[in-house]
Amino acid sequence: MIEPLTVYTLPNCMQCTMTTRALDAANLPYTVIDLTTDTRASDLMHQFGYTSVPVVVASVVSWSGFRPDLIAKITALRDHPSPAGE
């Protein structure tokens, strides 16, 4: 099972909306954190060098911007997990 993703967003962000819609369409669980209301999260994103939103954090990968290719890869991993130990 795929752990829920975390999506760091800003209000009125078109790429954020496109990302959450793609995650919904792929039936991937996620939590949204609004960077305008969570200053600690905002500081953390800057510390990691992200300068644009959305920032999506999965268990082993993170990215910024609308990345349907990476959403598709996570969906494929969920749908076709590799056997343990490979």
PDB file of N, CA and C in Angstrom:
ATOM      1  N   MET A   1       0.836  -1.186   0.000  1.00  0.00           N
ATOM      2  CA  MET A   1       0.000   0.000   0.000  1.00  0.00           C
ATOM      3  C   MET A   1       0.878   1.245   0.000  1.00  0.00           C
ATOM      4  N   ILE A   2       0.507   2.211  -0.794  1.00  0.00           N
ATOM      5  CA  ILE A   2       1.238   3.469  -0.887  1.00  0.00           C
ATOM      6  C   ILE A   2       0.877   4.353   0.308  1.00  0.00           C
ATOM      7  N   GLU A   3       1.906   4.872   0.972  1.00  0.00           N
ATOM      8  CA  GLU A   3       1.662   5.818   2.055  1.00  0.00           C
ATOM      9  C   GLU A   3       1.116   7.115   1.470  1.00  0.00           C
ATOM     10  N   PRO A   4       0.299   7.840   2.230  1.00  0.00           N
ATOM     11  CA  PRO A   4      -0.214   9.116   1.708  1.00  0.00           C
ATOM     12  C   PRO A   4       0.924  10.074   1.358  1.00  0.00           C
ATOM     13  N   LEU A   5       0.761  10.776   0.270  1.00  0.00           N
ATOM     14  CA  LEU A   5       1.697  11.806  -0.142  1.00  0.00           C
ATOM     15  C   LEU A   5       1.379  13.078   0.634  1.00  0.00           C
ATOM     16  N   THR A   6       2.336  13.987   0.668  1.00  0.00           N
ATOM     17  CA  THR A   6       2.087  15.310   1.231  1.00  0.00           C
ATOM     18  C   THR A   6       2.284  16.308   0.110  1.00  0.00           C
ATOM     19  N   VAL A   7       1.292  17.202  -0.047  1.00  0.00           N
ATOM     20  CA  VAL A   7       1.342  18.211  -1.106  1.00  0.00           C
ATOM     21  C   VAL A   7       1.341  19.580  -0.436  1.00  0.00           C
ATOM     22  N   TYR A   8       2.436  20.303  -0.598  1.00  0.00           N
ATOM     23  CA  TYR A   8       2.562  21.650  -0.059  1.00  0.00           C
ATOM     24  C   TYR A   8       2.099  22.622  -1.138  1.00  0.00           C
ATOM     25  N   THR A   9       1.136  23.482  -0.788  1.00  0.00           N
ATOM     26  CA  THR A   9       0.484  24.325  -1.779  1.00  0.00           C
ATOM     27  C   THR A   9       0.410  25.778  -1.340  1.00  0.00           C
ATOM     28  N   LEU A  10      -0.031  26.608  -2.273  1.00  0.00           N
ATOM     29  CA  LEU A  10      -0.395  28.001  -2.024  1.00  0.00           C
ATOM     30  C   LEU A  10      -1.787  28.225  -2.613  1.00  0.00           C
ATOM     31  N   PRO A  11      -2.546  29.173  -2.059  1.00  0.00           N
ATOM     32  CA  PRO A  11      -3.869  29.459  -2.606  1.00  0.00           C
ATOM     33  C   PRO A  11      -3.773  29.952  -4.059  1.00  0.00           C
ATOM     34  N   ASN A  12      -4.793  29.638  -4.829  1.00  0.00           N
ATOM     35  CA  ASN A  12      -4.909  30.102  -6.218  1.00  0.00           C
ATOM     36  C   ASN A  12      -3.736  29.670  -7.093  1.00  0.00           C
ATOM     37  N   CYS A  13      -3.181  28.522  -6.810  1.00  0.00           N
ATOM     38  CA  CYS A  13      -2.041  27.984  -7.563  1.00  0.00           C
ATOM     39  C   CYS A  13      -2.572  26.968  -8.569  1.00  0.00           C
ATOM     40  N   MET A  14      -2.476  27.287  -9.848  1.00  0.00           N
ATOM     41  CA  MET A  14      -3.011  26.407 -10.887  1.00  0.00           C
ATOM     42  C   MET A  14      -2.286  25.059 -10.901  1.00  0.00           C
ATOM     43  N   GLN A  15      -0.957  25.061 -10.769  1.00  0.00           N
ATOM     44  CA  GLN A  15      -0.225  23.791 -10.764  1.00  0.00           C
ATOM     45  C   GLN A  15      -0.586  22.942  -9.546  1.00  0.00           C
ATOM     46  N   CYS A  16      -0.884  23.597  -8.434  1.00  0.00           N
ATOM     47  CA  CYS A  16      -1.315  22.863  -7.237  1.00  0.00           C
ATOM     48  C   CYS A  16      -2.654  22.182  -7.504  1.00  0.00           C
ATOM     49  N   THR A  17      -3.578  22.912  -8.098  1.00  0.00           N
ATOM     50  CA  THR A  17      -4.889  22.353  -8.430  1.00  0.00           C
ATOM     51  C   THR A  17      -4.755  21.207  -9.418  1.00  0.00           C
ATOM     52  N   MET A  18      -3.931  21.388 -10.437  1.00  0.00           N
ATOM     53  CA  MET A  18      -3.726  20.323 -11.422  1.00  0.00           C
ATOM     54  C   MET A  18      -3.119  19.084 -10.761  1.00  0.00           C
ATOM     55  N   THR A  19      -2.217  19.285  -9.836  1.00  0.00           N
ATOM     56  CA  THR A  19      -1.580  18.162  -9.143  1.00  0.00           C
ATOM     57  C   THR A  19      -2.587  17.408  -8.291  1.00  0.00           C
ATOM     58  N   THR A  20      -3.372  18.117  -7.481  1.00  0.00           N
ATOM     59  CA  THR A  20      -4.335  17.418  -6.624  1.00  0.00           C
ATOM     60  C   THR A  20      -5.411  16.734  -7.467  1.00  0.00           C
ATOM     61  N   ARG A  21      -5.796  17.320  -8.583  1.00  0.00           N
ATOM     62  CA  ARG A  21      -6.764  16.656  -9.471  1.00  0.00           C
ATOM     63  C   ARG A  21      -6.182  15.380 -10.064  1.00  0.00           C
ATOM     64  N   ALA A  22      -4.904  15.415 -10.443  1.00  0.00           N
ATOM     65  CA  ALA A  22      -4.257  14.219 -10.985  1.00  0.00           C
ATOM     66  C   ALA A  22      -4.122  13.140  -9.911  1.00  0.00           C
ATOM     67  N   LEU A  23      -3.816  13.536  -8.689  1.00  0.00           N
ATOM     68  CA  LEU A  23      -3.739  12.574  -7.598  1.00  0.00           C
ATOM     69  C   LEU A  23      -5.108  11.963  -7.312  1.00  0.00           C
ATOM     70  N   ASP A  24      -6.145  12.791  -7.355  1.00  0.00           N
ATOM     71  CA  ASP A  24      -7.511  12.289  -7.176  1.00  0.00           C
ATOM     72  C   ASP A  24      -7.862  11.297  -8.280  1.00  0.00           C
ATOM     73  N   ALA A  25      -7.549  11.647  -9.524  1.00  0.00           N
ATOM     74  CA  ALA A  25      -7.861  10.777 -10.661  1.00  0.00           C
ATOM     75  C   ALA A  25      -7.120   9.446 -10.555  1.00  0.00           C
ATOM     76  N   ALA A  26      -5.917   9.475  -9.995  1.00  0.00           N
ATOM     77  CA  ALA A  26      -5.126   8.252  -9.828  1.00  0.00           C
ATOM     78  C   ALA A  26      -5.496   7.505  -8.549  1.00  0.00           C
ATOM     79  N   ASN A  27      -6.401   8.094  -7.779  1.00  0.00           N
ATOM     80  CA  ASN A  27      -6.835   7.509  -6.512  1.00  0.00           C
ATOM     81  C   ASN A  27      -5.665   7.303  -5.550  1.00  0.00           C
ATOM     82  N   LEU A  28      -4.770   8.294  -5.522  1.00  0.00           N
ATOM     83  CA  LEU A  28      -3.631   8.266  -4.598  1.00  0.00           C
ATOM     84  C   LEU A  28      -3.974   9.116  -3.372  1.00  0.00           C
ATOM     85  N   PRO A  29      -3.759   8.599  -2.182  1.00  0.00           N
ATOM     86  CA  PRO A  29      -4.054   9.379  -0.976  1.00  0.00           C
ATOM     87  C   PRO A  29      -3.008  10.467  -0.753  1.00  0.00           C
ATOM     88  N   TYR A  30      -3.460  11.607  -0.269  1.00  0.00           N
ATOM     89  CA  TYR A  30      -2.539  12.704   0.006  1.00  0.00           C
ATOM     90  C   TYR A  30      -3.114  13.636   1.063  1.00  0.00           C
ATOM     91  N   THR A  31      -2.222  14.412   1.659  1.00  0.00           N
ATOM     92  CA  THR A  31      -2.567  15.456   2.609  1.00  0.00           C
ATOM     93  C   THR A  31      -2.067  16.769   2.035  1.00  0.00           C
ATOM     94  N   VAL A  32      -2.885  17.811   2.125  1.00  0.00           N
ATOM     95  CA  VAL A  32      -2.495  19.130   1.629  1.00  0.00           C
ATOM     96  C   VAL A  32      -2.078  20.004   2.806  1.00  0.00           C
ATOM     97  N   ILE A  33      -0.953  20.685   2.644  1.00  0.00           N
ATOM     98  CA  ILE A  33      -0.492  21.660   3.636  1.00  0.00           C
ATOM     99  C   ILE A  33      -0.357  22.998   2.934  1.00  0.00           C
ATOM    100  N   ASP A  34      -1.103  23.989   3.408  1.00  0.00           N
ATOM    101  CA  ASP A  34      -1.087  25.341   2.858  1.00  0.00           C
ATOM    102  C   ASP A  34       0.103  26.099   3.444  1.00  0.00           C
ATOM    103  N   LEU A  35       1.035  26.476   2.605  1.00  0.00           N
ATOM    104  CA  LEU A  35       2.249  27.145   3.079  1.00  0.00           C
ATOM    105  C   LEU A  35       2.000  28.556   3.598  1.00  0.00           C
ATOM    106  N   THR A  36       0.833  29.129   3.298  1.00  0.00           N
ATOM    107  CA  THR A  36       0.541  30.464   3.844  1.00  0.00           C
ATOM    108  C   THR A  36       0.076  30.399   5.293  1.00  0.00           C
ATOM    109  N   THR A  37      -0.350  29.219   5.737  1.00  0.00           N
ATOM    110  CA  THR A  37      -0.828  29.087   7.111  1.00  0.00           C
ATOM    111  C   THR A  37       0.103  28.257   7.986  1.00  0.00           C
ATOM    112  N   ASP A  38       1.092  27.630   7.381  1.00  0.00           N
ATOM    113  CA  ASP A  38       2.026  26.804   8.140  1.00  0.00           C
ATOM    114  C   ASP A  38       3.445  27.320   7.888  1.00  0.00           C
ATOM    115  N   THR A  39       3.878  28.261   8.710  1.00  0.00           N
ATOM    116  CA  THR A  39       5.186  28.886   8.502  1.00  0.00           C
ATOM    117  C   THR A  39       6.330  27.898   8.699  1.00  0.00           C
ATOM    118  N   ARG A  40       6.145  26.925   9.576  1.00  0.00           N
ATOM    119  CA  ARG A  40       7.190  25.914   9.784  1.00  0.00           C
ATOM    120  C   ARG A  40       7.397  25.103   8.505  1.00  0.00           C
ATOM    121  N   ALA A  41       6.301  24.710   7.871  1.00  0.00           N
ATOM    122  CA  ALA A  41       6.399  23.957   6.610  1.00  0.00           C
ATOM    123  C   ALA A  41       7.015  24.829   5.520  1.00  0.00           C
ATOM    124  N   SER A  42       6.638  26.096   5.496  1.00  0.00           N
ATOM    125  CA  SER A  42       7.198  27.021   4.504  1.00  0.00           C
ATOM    126  C   SER A  42       8.703  27.158   4.684  1.00  0.00           C
ATOM    127  N   ASP A  43       9.139  27.299   5.915  1.00  0.00           N
ATOM    128  CA  ASP A  43      10.579  27.381   6.200  1.00  0.00           C
ATOM    129  C   ASP A  43      11.292  26.101   5.781  1.00  0.00           C
ATOM    130  N   LEU A  44      10.673  24.974   6.038  1.00  0.00           N
ATOM    131  CA  LEU A  44      11.259  23.691   5.676  1.00  0.00           C
ATOM    132  C   LEU A  44      11.421  23.555   4.162  1.00  0.00           C
ATOM    133  N   MET A  45      10.427  23.981   3.408  1.00  0.00           N
ATOM    134  CA  MET A  45      10.514  23.918   1.941  1.00  0.00           C
ATOM    135  C   MET A  45      11.667  24.789   1.435  1.00  0.00           C
ATOM    136  N   HIS A  46      11.831  25.963   2.029  1.00  0.00           N
ATOM    137  CA  HIS A  46      12.951  26.830   1.641  1.00  0.00           C
ATOM    138  C   HIS A  46      14.288  26.204   2.005  1.00  0.00           C
ATOM    139  N   GLN A  47      14.362  25.561   3.171  1.00  0.00           N
ATOM    140  CA  GLN A  47      15.601  24.902   3.581  1.00  0.00           C
ATOM    141  C   GLN A  47      15.993  23.795   2.616  1.00  0.00           C
ATOM    142  N   PHE A  48      14.997  23.119   2.059  1.00  0.00           N
ATOM    143  CA  PHE A  48      15.269  22.048   1.094  1.00  0.00           C
ATOM    144  C   PHE A  48      15.488  22.580  -0.315  1.00  0.00           C
ATOM    145  N   GLY A  49      15.385  23.901  -0.482  1.00  0.00           N
ATOM    146  CA  GLY A  49      15.695  24.512  -1.767  1.00  0.00           C
ATOM    147  C   GLY A  49      14.538  24.640  -2.739  1.00  0.00           C
ATOM    148  N   TYR A  50      13.333  24.328  -2.300  1.00  0.00           N
ATOM    149  CA  TYR A  50      12.187  24.481  -3.185  1.00  0.00           C
ATOM    150  C   TYR A  50      11.775  25.947  -3.252  1.00  0.00           C
ATOM    151  N   THR A  51      11.592  26.429  -4.475  1.00  0.00           N
ATOM    152  CA  THR A  51      11.209  27.833  -4.666  1.00  0.00           C
ATOM    153  C   THR A  51       9.888  27.982  -5.393  1.00  0.00           C
ATOM    154  N   SER A  52       9.276  26.849  -5.757  1.00  0.00           N
ATOM    155  CA  SER A  52       7.973  26.909  -6.421  1.00  0.00           C
ATOM    156  C   SER A  52       7.088  25.792  -5.868  1.00  0.00           C
ATOM    157  N   VAL A  53       5.793  25.953  -6.063  1.00  0.00           N
ATOM    158  CA  VAL A  53       4.818  24.976  -5.588  1.00  0.00           C
ATOM    159  C   VAL A  53       4.051  24.417  -6.771  1.00  0.00           C
ATOM    160  N   PRO A  54       3.405  23.313  -6.596  1.00  0.00           N
ATOM    161  CA  PRO A  54       3.351  22.518  -5.383  1.00  0.00           C
ATOM    162  C   PRO A  54       4.655  21.754  -5.161  1.00  0.00           C
ATOM    163  N   VAL A  55       4.870  21.384  -3.928  1.00  0.00           N
ATOM    164  CA  VAL A  55       5.940  20.448  -3.601  1.00  0.00           C
ATOM    165  C   VAL A  55       5.231  19.178  -3.136  1.00  0.00           C
ATOM    166  N   VAL A  56       5.550  18.075  -3.792  1.00  0.00           N
ATOM    167  CA  VAL A  56       4.949  16.789  -3.454  1.00  0.00           C
ATOM    168  C   VAL A  56       6.042  15.934  -2.823  1.00  0.00           C
ATOM    169  N   VAL A  57       5.710  15.364  -1.664  1.00  0.00           N
ATOM    170  CA  VAL A  57       6.665  14.520  -0.956  1.00  0.00           C
ATOM    171  C   VAL A  57       6.056  13.133  -0.811  1.00  0.00           C
ATOM    172  N   ALA A  58       6.752  12.152  -1.360  1.00  0.00           N
ATOM    173  CA  ALA A  58       6.389  10.746  -1.197  1.00  0.00           C
ATOM    174  C   ALA A  58       7.434  10.122  -0.284  1.00  0.00           C
ATOM    175  N   SER A  59       7.301   8.857   0.001  1.00  0.00           N
ATOM    176  CA  SER A  59       8.212   8.234   0.967  1.00  0.00           C
ATOM    177  C   SER A  59       9.675   8.279   0.529  1.00  0.00           C
ATOM    178  N   VAL A  60       9.944   8.175  -0.783  1.00  0.00           N
ATOM    179  CA  VAL A  60      11.338   8.135  -1.230  1.00  0.00           C
ATOM    180  C   VAL A  60      11.675   9.171  -2.291  1.00  0.00           C
ATOM    181  N   VAL A  61      10.739  10.015  -2.655  1.00  0.00           N
ATOM    182  CA  VAL A  61      10.969  10.995  -3.703  1.00  0.00           C
ATOM    183  C   VAL A  61      10.171  12.258  -3.410  1.00  0.00           C
ATOM    184  N   SER A  62      10.677  13.382  -3.894  1.00  0.00           N
ATOM    185  CA  SER A  62       9.925  14.630  -3.802  1.00  0.00           C
ATOM    186  C   SER A  62      10.206  15.446  -5.051  1.00  0.00           C
ATOM    187  N   TRP A  63       9.267  16.337  -5.380  1.00  0.00           N
ATOM    188  CA  TRP A  63       9.427  17.191  -6.555  1.00  0.00           C
ATOM    189  C   TRP A  63       8.577  18.436  -6.398  1.00  0.00           C
ATOM    190  N   SER A  64       8.839  19.404  -7.261  1.00  0.00           N
ATOM    191  CA  SER A  64       7.988  20.597  -7.285  1.00  0.00           C
ATOM    192  C   SER A  64       7.396  20.744  -8.678  1.00  0.00           C
ATOM    193  N   GLY A  65       6.267  21.419  -8.722  1.00  0.00           N
ATOM    194  CA  GLY A  65       5.574  21.646  -9.988  1.00  0.00           C
ATOM    195  C   GLY A  65       4.613  20.515 -10.306  1.00  0.00           C
ATOM    196  N   PHE A  66       3.857  20.699 -11.377  1.00  0.00           N
ATOM    197  CA  PHE A  66       2.915  19.684 -11.845  1.00  0.00           C
ATOM    198  C   PHE A  66       3.685  18.648 -12.636  1.00  0.00           C
ATOM    199  N   ARG A  67       3.764  17.424 -12.118  1.00  0.00           N
ATOM    200  CA  ARG A  67       4.555  16.360 -12.738  1.00  0.00           C
ATOM    201  C   ARG A  67       3.703  15.116 -12.950  1.00  0.00           C
ATOM    202  N   PRO A  68       2.874  15.113 -13.988  1.00  0.00           N
ATOM    203  CA  PRO A  68       2.038  13.930 -14.233  1.00  0.00           C
ATOM    204  C   PRO A  68       2.863  12.672 -14.480  1.00  0.00           C
ATOM    205  N   ASP A  69       4.077  12.817 -14.984  1.00  0.00           N
ATOM    206  CA  ASP A  69       4.928  11.648 -15.212  1.00  0.00           C
ATOM    207  C   ASP A  69       5.291  10.958 -13.898  1.00  0.00           C
ATOM    208  N   LEU A  70       5.584  11.745 -12.873  1.00  0.00           N
ATOM    209  CA  LEU A  70       5.932  11.156 -11.579  1.00  0.00           C
ATOM    210  C   LEU A  70       4.702  10.610 -10.868  1.00  0.00           C
ATOM    211  N   ILE A  71       3.572  11.264 -11.038  1.00  0.00           N
ATOM    212  CA  ILE A  71       2.319  10.740 -10.478  1.00  0.00           C
ATOM    213  C   ILE A  71       2.022   9.380 -11.111  1.00  0.00           C
ATOM    214  N   ALA A  72       2.229   9.273 -12.414  1.00  0.00           N
ATOM    215  CA  ALA A  72       2.007   7.997 -13.109  1.00  0.00           C
ATOM    216  C   ALA A  72       2.955   6.916 -12.596  1.00  0.00           C
ATOM    217  N   LYS A  73       4.203   7.275 -12.308  1.00  0.00           N
ATOM    218  CA  LYS A  73       5.161   6.287 -11.790  1.00  0.00           C
ATOM    219  C   LYS A  73       4.743   5.789 -10.413  1.00  0.00           C
ATOM    220  N   ILE A  74       4.286   6.689  -9.556  1.00  0.00           N
ATOM    221  CA  ILE A  74       3.832   6.282  -8.227  1.00  0.00           C
ATOM    222  C   ILE A  74       2.596   5.401  -8.347  1.00  0.00           C
ATOM    223  N   THR A  75       1.707   5.752  -9.261  1.00  0.00           N
ATOM    224  CA  THR A  75       0.515   4.937  -9.486  1.00  0.00           C
ATOM    225  C   THR A  75       0.905   3.545  -9.970  1.00  0.00           C
ATOM    226  N   ALA A  76       1.868   3.473 -10.886  1.00  0.00           N
ATOM    227  CA  ALA A  76       2.327   2.181 -11.398  1.00  0.00           C
ATOM    228  C   ALA A  76       2.950   1.341 -10.280  1.00  0.00           C
ATOM    229  N   LEU A  77       3.706   1.969  -9.395  1.00  0.00           N
ATOM    230  CA  LEU A  77       4.291   1.239  -8.265  1.00  0.00           C
ATOM    231  C   LEU A  77       3.210   0.690  -7.347  1.00  0.00           C
ATOM    232  N   ARG A  78       2.155   1.467  -7.173  1.00  0.00           N
ATOM    233  CA  ARG A  78       1.044   1.008  -6.337  1.00  0.00           C
ATOM    234  C   ARG A  78       0.360  -0.183  -7.006  1.00  0.00           C
ATOM    235  N   ASP A  79       0.146  -0.075  -8.304  1.00  0.00           N
ATOM    236  CA  ASP A  79      -0.605  -1.104  -9.028  1.00  0.00           C
ATOM    237  C   ASP A  79       0.217  -2.344  -9.334  1.00  0.00           C
ATOM    238  N   HIS A  80       1.546  -2.194  -9.412  1.00  0.00           N
ATOM    239  CA  HIS A  80       2.425  -3.315  -9.755  1.00  0.00           C
ATOM    240  C   HIS A  80       3.667  -3.293  -8.865  1.00  0.00           C
ATOM    241  N   PRO A  81       3.494  -3.545  -7.571  1.00  0.00           N
ATOM    242  CA  PRO A  81       4.672  -3.512  -6.692  1.00  0.00           C
ATOM    243  C   PRO A  81       5.629  -4.640  -7.045  1.00  0.00           C
ATOM    244  N   SER A  82       6.927  -4.354  -6.865  1.00  0.00           N
ATOM    245  CA  SER A  82       7.920  -5.395  -7.120  1.00  0.00           C
ATOM    246  C   SER A  82       7.959  -6.335  -5.926  1.00  0.00           C
ATOM    247  N   PRO A  83       8.312  -7.577  -6.148  1.00  0.00           N
ATOM    248  CA  PRO A  83       8.424  -8.535  -5.027  1.00  0.00           C
ATOM    249  C   PRO A  83       9.467  -8.059  -4.024  1.00  0.00           C
ATOM    250  N   ALA A  84       9.272  -8.373  -2.787  1.00  0.00           N
ATOM    251  CA  ALA A  84      10.220  -7.980  -1.733  1.00  0.00           C
ATOM    252  C   ALA A  84      11.592  -8.559  -2.035  1.00  0.00           C
ATOM    253  N   GLY A  85      12.587  -7.729  -1.806  1.00  0.00           N
ATOM    254  CA  GLY A  85      13.952  -8.177  -1.995  1.00  0.00           C
ATOM    255  C   GLY A  85      14.518  -7.867  -3.376  1.00  0.00           C
ATOM    256  N   GLU A  86      13.706  -7.324  -4.263  1.00  0.00           N
ATOM    257  CA  GLU A  86      14.237  -6.984  -5.602  1.00  0.00           C
ATOM    258  C   GLU A  86      14.565  -5.532  -5.676  1.00  0.00           C
TER     259      GLU A  86
END
